[in-house]
Each structure stands twice: as structure tokens, then as C-alpha cells.
Amino acid sequence: MRLYLMRHGKAGSHPVDVQRPLTERGSQDVQMVAQHLADTGVAVSRIYHSTLVRAQQTADLMCSALNPTLAPEQRLGLEPWGDVKAFAALANSWDEDTLVCGHEPFMGQAALAFQGDDPIYIQVKTATVMAFERTDAGWNLAWVVNPGRLKGESS
């Protein structure tokens, strides 16, 4: 089973934070990452997103590329202030490849939680996807991809 943790794409401004939409660049970056994952054979059975607009838009774009017959689902607790321990316990019960679209600092904290005893810090830039594989011994970080890497940038 694989768990894909993704930070939403670059967001614009809005007077109410929960309503901030993706920028044009944010949408393009998410689409680039989504196409790359689809081209490398990534498939998911479920896509969850937080209650914030930018995460929903990210999930919609990812869904279009990875499983167009799927409808992304909103899930409480994936917001920047979400409870990482509760999320980790929930994710441990899943048995299908799942993509989760959320925010910082939640995604960075979740990445640390899934790495076990010797975690490495991952800078979770916008539109970054981290893939974790569950084994008998726990979760292993398989890879990280973001728009900068796909464009050949050094960061």
C-alpha cells in the first residue's frame, strides 16, 4: 500500500484564508506533477483533501490525471492545524493506495511521523508529493517529487 502526501499548489490571496484559490502557476505546477505521476504509473483508489479551497482544487487536478472516474473527498483534520497523530492512526488502517492533499506545517509533520525512528526533514514546497510505502516494519519514504525537480532546478 502506498500513501502519497501532497502539499497544495501555490495559492493566491483572498480576504478569508480558507477561500484562497490556486494561482495560475499553482494550477500549472500541480498539473505538471500529476502528469509526471500518471506517466510513471502512479494510480490511486482514493484522494482526500482538506476543507480549504486550494487543497480541493489540487485534489481535483490530481484526480483528473490519476483516476478520472474518482471523486476526491473532503476530510476534516488535514488543515494546517490538523492532528498529525490522529491522521497517522487513520492512515495506518487504510489498505488502498491513497493521495492526501493538505498544507504546511501538517504535511511536513506527517512526513516526519511516517518515517519512524530516524526521520529526515523534507522541505514540503507547494505541489510537492511524498510517496510512502507500508511494509511489515512500518512506513518507508520511497520518493519525493516537486515542480522544481521536474524542471531540473537544484532545490
C-alpha atoms as a PDB file:
ATOM      1  CA  MET A   1       0.000   0.000   0.000  1.00  0.00           C
ATOM      2  CA  ARG A   2       1.255   3.461  -0.855  1.00  0.00           C
ATOM      3  CA  LEU A   3       0.374   6.736   0.781  1.00  0.00           C
ATOM      4  CA  TYR A   4       1.031   9.913  -1.172  1.00  0.00           C
ATOM      5  CA  LEU A   5       1.197  13.111   0.851  1.00  0.00           C
ATOM      6  CA  MET A   6       0.892  16.291  -1.208  1.00  0.00           C
ATOM      7  CA  ARG A   7       1.003  19.950  -0.370  1.00  0.00           C
ATOM      8  CA  HIS A   8      -1.391  22.059  -2.410  1.00  0.00           C
ATOM      9  CA  GLY A   9      -0.160  24.173  -5.314  1.00  0.00           C
ATOM     10  CA  LYS A  10       0.802  27.839  -4.987  1.00  0.00           C
ATOM     11  CA  ALA A  11      -2.172  29.825  -3.747  1.00  0.00           C
ATOM     12  CA  GLY A  12      -3.287  33.373  -4.377  1.00  0.00           C
ATOM     13  CA  SER A  13      -4.772  35.863  -1.999  1.00  0.00           C
ATOM     14  CA  HIS A  14      -8.276  36.110  -0.585  1.00  0.00           C
ATOM     15  CA  PRO A  15      -9.630  38.017   2.398  1.00  0.00           C
ATOM     16  CA  VAL A  16     -10.565  34.696   4.012  1.00  0.00           C
ATOM     17  CA  ASP A  17      -7.650  32.215   4.202  1.00  0.00           C
ATOM     18  CA  VAL A  18      -9.788  29.092   3.740  1.00  0.00           C
ATOM     19  CA  GLN A  19     -11.010  30.501   0.403  1.00  0.00           C
ATOM     20  CA  ARG A  20      -7.583  31.218  -1.127  1.00  0.00           C
ATOM     21  CA  PRO A  21      -7.562  29.612  -4.601  1.00  0.00           C
ATOM     22  CA  LEU A  22      -4.662  28.246  -6.607  1.00  0.00           C
ATOM     23  CA  THR A  23      -2.850  30.732  -8.785  1.00  0.00           C
ATOM     24  CA  GLU A  24      -2.374  30.019 -12.488  1.00  0.00           C
ATOM     25  CA  ARG A  25       1.185  28.918 -11.700  1.00  0.00           C
ATOM     26  CA  GLY A  26      -0.103  26.769  -8.848  1.00  0.00           C
ATOM     27  CA  SER A  27      -2.520  25.001 -11.182  1.00  0.00           C
ATOM     28  CA  GLN A  28       0.194  24.511 -13.802  1.00  0.00           C
ATOM     29  CA  ASP A  29       2.625  23.090 -11.241  1.00  0.00           C
ATOM     30  CA  VAL A  30       0.030  20.645  -9.917  1.00  0.00           C
ATOM     31  CA  GLN A  31      -0.848  19.558 -13.463  1.00  0.00           C
ATOM     32  CA  MET A  32       2.850  19.008 -14.242  1.00  0.00           C
ATOM     33  CA  VAL A  33       3.302  16.848 -11.151  1.00  0.00           C
ATOM     34  CA  ALA A  34       0.050  14.986 -11.846  1.00  0.00           C
ATOM     35  CA  GLN A  35       1.097  14.205 -15.415  1.00  0.00           C
ATOM     36  CA  HIS A  36       4.519  13.044 -14.266  1.00  0.00           C
ATOM     37  CA  LEU A  37       2.950  10.682 -11.730  1.00  0.00           C
ATOM     38  CA  ALA A  38       0.479   9.358 -14.287  1.00  0.00           C
ATOM     39  CA  ASP A  39       3.319   8.822 -16.791  1.00  0.00           C
ATOM     40  CA  THR A  40       5.259   6.810 -14.202  1.00  0.00           C
ATOM     41  CA  GLY A  41       2.283   4.565 -13.454  1.00  0.00           C
ATOM     42  CA  VAL A  42       1.050   6.006 -10.166  1.00  0.00           C
ATOM     43  CA  ALA A  43      -2.573   5.067  -9.566  1.00  0.00           C
ATOM     44  CA  VAL A  44      -4.729   5.766  -6.546  1.00  0.00           C
ATOM     45  CA  SER A  45      -8.007   4.395  -5.258  1.00  0.00           C
ATOM     46  CA  ARG A  46      -8.808   7.398  -3.074  1.00  0.00           C
ATOM     47  CA  ILE A  47      -7.975  11.083  -2.946  1.00  0.00           C
ATOM     48  CA  TYR A  48      -8.666  13.134   0.159  1.00  0.00           C
ATOM     49  CA  HIS A  49      -8.295  16.871   0.642  1.00  0.00           C
ATOM     50  CA  SER A  50      -8.676  19.351   3.471  1.00  0.00           C
ATOM     51  CA  THR A  51     -11.558  21.783   3.854  1.00  0.00           C
ATOM     52  CA  LEU A  52      -9.564  24.632   2.275  1.00  0.00           C
ATOM     53  CA  VAL A  53     -10.235  25.621  -1.347  1.00  0.00           C
ATOM     54  CA  ARG A  54      -6.628  25.358  -2.540  1.00  0.00           C
ATOM     55  CA  ALA A  55      -6.368  21.741  -1.368  1.00  0.00           C
ATOM     56  CA  GLN A  56      -9.682  20.858  -3.027  1.00  0.00           C
ATOM     57  CA  GLN A  57      -8.520  22.387  -6.305  1.00  0.00           C
ATOM     58  CA  THR A  58      -5.240  20.472  -6.054  1.00  0.00           C
ATOM     59  CA  ALA A  59      -7.111  17.221  -5.410  1.00  0.00           C
ATOM     60  CA  ASP A  60      -9.390  17.840  -8.389  1.00  0.00           C
ATOM     61  CA  LEU A  61      -6.408  18.325 -10.705  1.00  0.00           C
ATOM     62  CA  MET A  62      -4.643  15.249  -9.357  1.00  0.00           C
ATOM     63  CA  CYS A  63      -7.795  13.191  -9.733  1.00  0.00           C
ATOM     64  CA  SER A  64      -8.139  14.201 -13.391  1.00  0.00           C
ATOM     65  CA  ALA A  65      -4.719  12.731 -14.150  1.00  0.00           C
ATOM     66  CA  LEU A  66      -4.542   9.750 -11.791  1.00  0.00           C
ATOM     67  CA  ASN A  67      -8.108   8.432 -11.687  1.00  0.00           C
ATOM     68  CA  PRO A  68     -10.688  10.455 -13.648  1.00  0.00           C
ATOM     69  CA  THR A  69     -13.542   8.191 -12.503  1.00  0.00           C
ATOM     70  CA  LEU A  70     -12.836   9.055  -8.878  1.00  0.00           C
ATOM     71  CA  ALA A  71     -14.374  11.921  -6.903  1.00  0.00           C
ATOM     72  CA  PRO A  72     -11.992  13.469  -4.369  1.00  0.00           C
ATOM     73  CA  GLU A  73     -13.337  13.518  -0.816  1.00  0.00           C
ATOM     74  CA  GLN A  74     -13.081  16.270   1.760  1.00  0.00           C
ATOM     75  CA  ARG A  75     -11.723  15.140   5.117  1.00  0.00           C
ATOM     76  CA  LEU A  76     -11.524  17.179   8.288  1.00  0.00           C
ATOM     77  CA  GLY A  77      -8.172  17.194  10.062  1.00  0.00           C
ATOM     78  CA  LEU A  78      -5.895  17.778   7.058  1.00  0.00           C
ATOM     79  CA  GLU A  79      -5.735  21.542   7.561  1.00  0.00           C
ATOM     80  CA  PRO A  80      -2.503  23.259   8.661  1.00  0.00           C
ATOM     81  CA  TRP A  81      -3.616  22.874  12.279  1.00  0.00           C
ATOM     82  CA  GLY A  82      -4.704  19.213  11.894  1.00  0.00           C
ATOM     83  CA  ASP A  83      -3.885  16.462  14.379  1.00  0.00           C
ATOM     84  CA  VAL A  84      -0.995  14.519  12.812  1.00  0.00           C
ATOM     85  CA  LYS A  85      -1.168  11.649  15.334  1.00  0.00           C
ATOM     86  CA  ALA A  86      -4.870  11.096  14.637  1.00  0.00           C
ATOM     87  CA  PHE A  87      -4.211  11.205  10.894  1.00  0.00           C
ATOM     88  CA  ALA A  88      -1.335   8.714  11.153  1.00  0.00           C
ATOM     89  CA  ALA A  89      -3.533   6.296  13.096  1.00  0.00           C
ATOM     90  CA  LEU A  90      -6.246   6.620  10.448  1.00  0.00           C
ATOM     91  CA  ALA A  91      -3.820   6.160   7.548  1.00  0.00           C
ATOM     92  CA  ASN A  92      -2.438   3.023   9.190  1.00  0.00           C
ATOM     93  CA  SER A  93      -5.898   1.463   8.798  1.00  0.00           C
ATOM     94  CA  TRP A  94      -6.111   2.105   5.052  1.00  0.00           C
ATOM     95  CA  ASP A  95      -5.467  -0.719   2.587  1.00  0.00           C
ATOM     96  CA  GLU A  96      -5.698   1.096  -0.764  1.00  0.00           C
ATOM     97  CA  ASP A  97      -3.240   3.470  -2.425  1.00  0.00           C
ATOM     98  CA  THR A  98      -4.322   6.931  -1.303  1.00  0.00           C
ATOM     99  CA  LEU A  99      -3.354  10.516  -2.113  1.00  0.00           C
ATOM    100  CA  VAL A 100      -3.879  13.169   0.561  1.00  0.00           C
ATOM    101  CA  CYS A 101      -3.785  16.875  -0.350  1.00  0.00           C
ATOM    102  CA  GLY A 102      -3.093  19.254   2.505  1.00  0.00           C
ATOM    103  CA  HIS A 103      -0.930  22.044   3.840  1.00  0.00           C
ATOM    104  CA  GLU A 104       2.145  23.023   5.780  1.00  0.00           C
ATOM    105  CA  PRO A 105       3.044  22.545   8.551  1.00  0.00           C
ATOM    106  CA  PHE A 106       0.750  19.469   8.645  1.00  0.00           C
ATOM    107  CA  MET A 107       2.370  17.672   5.683  1.00  0.00           C
ATOM    108  CA  GLY A 108       5.914  18.146   6.976  1.00  0.00           C
ATOM    109  CA  GLN A 109       4.919  16.893  10.405  1.00  0.00           C
ATOM    110  CA  ALA A 110       3.117  13.909   8.862  1.00  0.00           C
ATOM    111  CA  ALA A 111       6.197  13.087   6.770  1.00  0.00           C
ATOM    112  CA  LEU A 112       8.289  13.028   9.948  1.00  0.00           C
ATOM    113  CA  ALA A 113       5.704  10.879  11.750  1.00  0.00           C
ATOM    114  CA  PHE A 114       5.651   8.247   8.991  1.00  0.00           C
ATOM    115  CA  GLN A 115       9.432   7.925   8.852  1.00  0.00           C
ATOM    116  CA  GLY A 116       9.836   6.205  12.189  1.00  0.00           C
ATOM    117  CA  ASP A 117      12.963   6.326  14.365  1.00  0.00           C
ATOM    118  CA  ASP A 118      15.400   8.105  12.052  1.00  0.00           C
ATOM    119  CA  PRO A 119      13.368  10.693  10.113  1.00  0.00           C
ATOM    120  CA  ILE A 120      14.822  13.108   7.605  1.00  0.00           C
ATOM    121  CA  TYR A 121      13.416  16.597   7.214  1.00  0.00           C
ATOM    122  CA  ILE A 122      11.680  17.205   3.896  1.00  0.00           C
ATOM    123  CA  GLN A 123      11.072  20.737   2.719  1.00  0.00           C
ATOM    124  CA  VAL A 124       7.471  20.462   1.556  1.00  0.00           C
ATOM    125  CA  LYS A 125       7.216  23.163  -1.075  1.00  0.00           C
ATOM    126  CA  THR A 126       3.965  23.772  -2.916  1.00  0.00           C
ATOM    127  CA  ALA A 127       2.886  20.915  -5.225  1.00  0.00           C
ATOM    128  CA  THR A 128       5.366  18.504  -3.596  1.00  0.00           C
ATOM    129  CA  VAL A 129       4.374  14.828  -3.395  1.00  0.00           C
ATOM    130  CA  MET A 130       5.990  12.383  -0.983  1.00  0.00           C
ATOM    131  CA  ALA A 131       5.392   8.661  -1.507  1.00  0.00           C
ATOM    132  CA  PHE A 132       5.424   6.292   1.466  1.00  0.00           C
ATOM    133  CA  GLU A 133       5.236   2.515   1.186  1.00  0.00           C
ATOM    134  CA  ARG A 134       3.884   0.468   4.060  1.00  0.00           C
ATOM    135  CA  THR A 135       5.863  -2.641   4.966  1.00  0.00           C
ATOM    136  CA  ASP A 136       5.665  -5.089   7.842  1.00  0.00           C
ATOM    137  CA  ALA A 137       8.166  -2.893   9.679  1.00  0.00           C
ATOM    138  CA  GLY A 138       6.273   0.378   9.107  1.00  0.00           C
ATOM    139  CA  TRP A 139       6.387   3.120   6.511  1.00  0.00           C
ATOM    140  CA  ASN A 140       9.313   3.823   4.179  1.00  0.00           C
ATOM    141  CA  LEU A 141       9.816   7.021   2.238  1.00  0.00           C
ATOM    142  CA  ALA A 142      10.037   5.882  -1.391  1.00  0.00           C
ATOM    143  CA  TRP A 143      10.489   9.193  -3.225  1.00  0.00           C
ATOM    144  CA  VAL A 144       9.741  12.916  -3.311  1.00  0.00           C
ATOM    145  CA  VAL A 145       8.851  14.943  -6.398  1.00  0.00           C
ATOM    146  CA  ASN A 146       8.027  18.591  -6.901  1.00  0.00           C
ATOM    147  CA  PRO A 147       7.797  21.018  -9.822  1.00  0.00           C
ATOM    148  CA  GLY A 148      11.340  22.294  -9.272  1.00  0.00           C
ATOM    149  CA  ARG A 149      12.820  18.804  -9.632  1.00  0.00           C
ATOM    150  CA  LEU A 150      10.730  18.158 -12.729  1.00  0.00           C
ATOM    151  CA  LYS A 151      12.013  21.410 -14.236  1.00  0.00           C
ATOM    152  CA  GLY A 152      15.609  20.446 -13.377  1.00  0.00           C
ATOM    153  CA  GLU A 153      16.040  23.117 -10.713  1.00  0.00           C
ATOM    154  CA  SER A 154      18.522  22.435  -7.928  1.00  0.00           C
ATOM    155  CA  SER A 155      16.128  22.878  -4.979  1.00  0.00           C
END
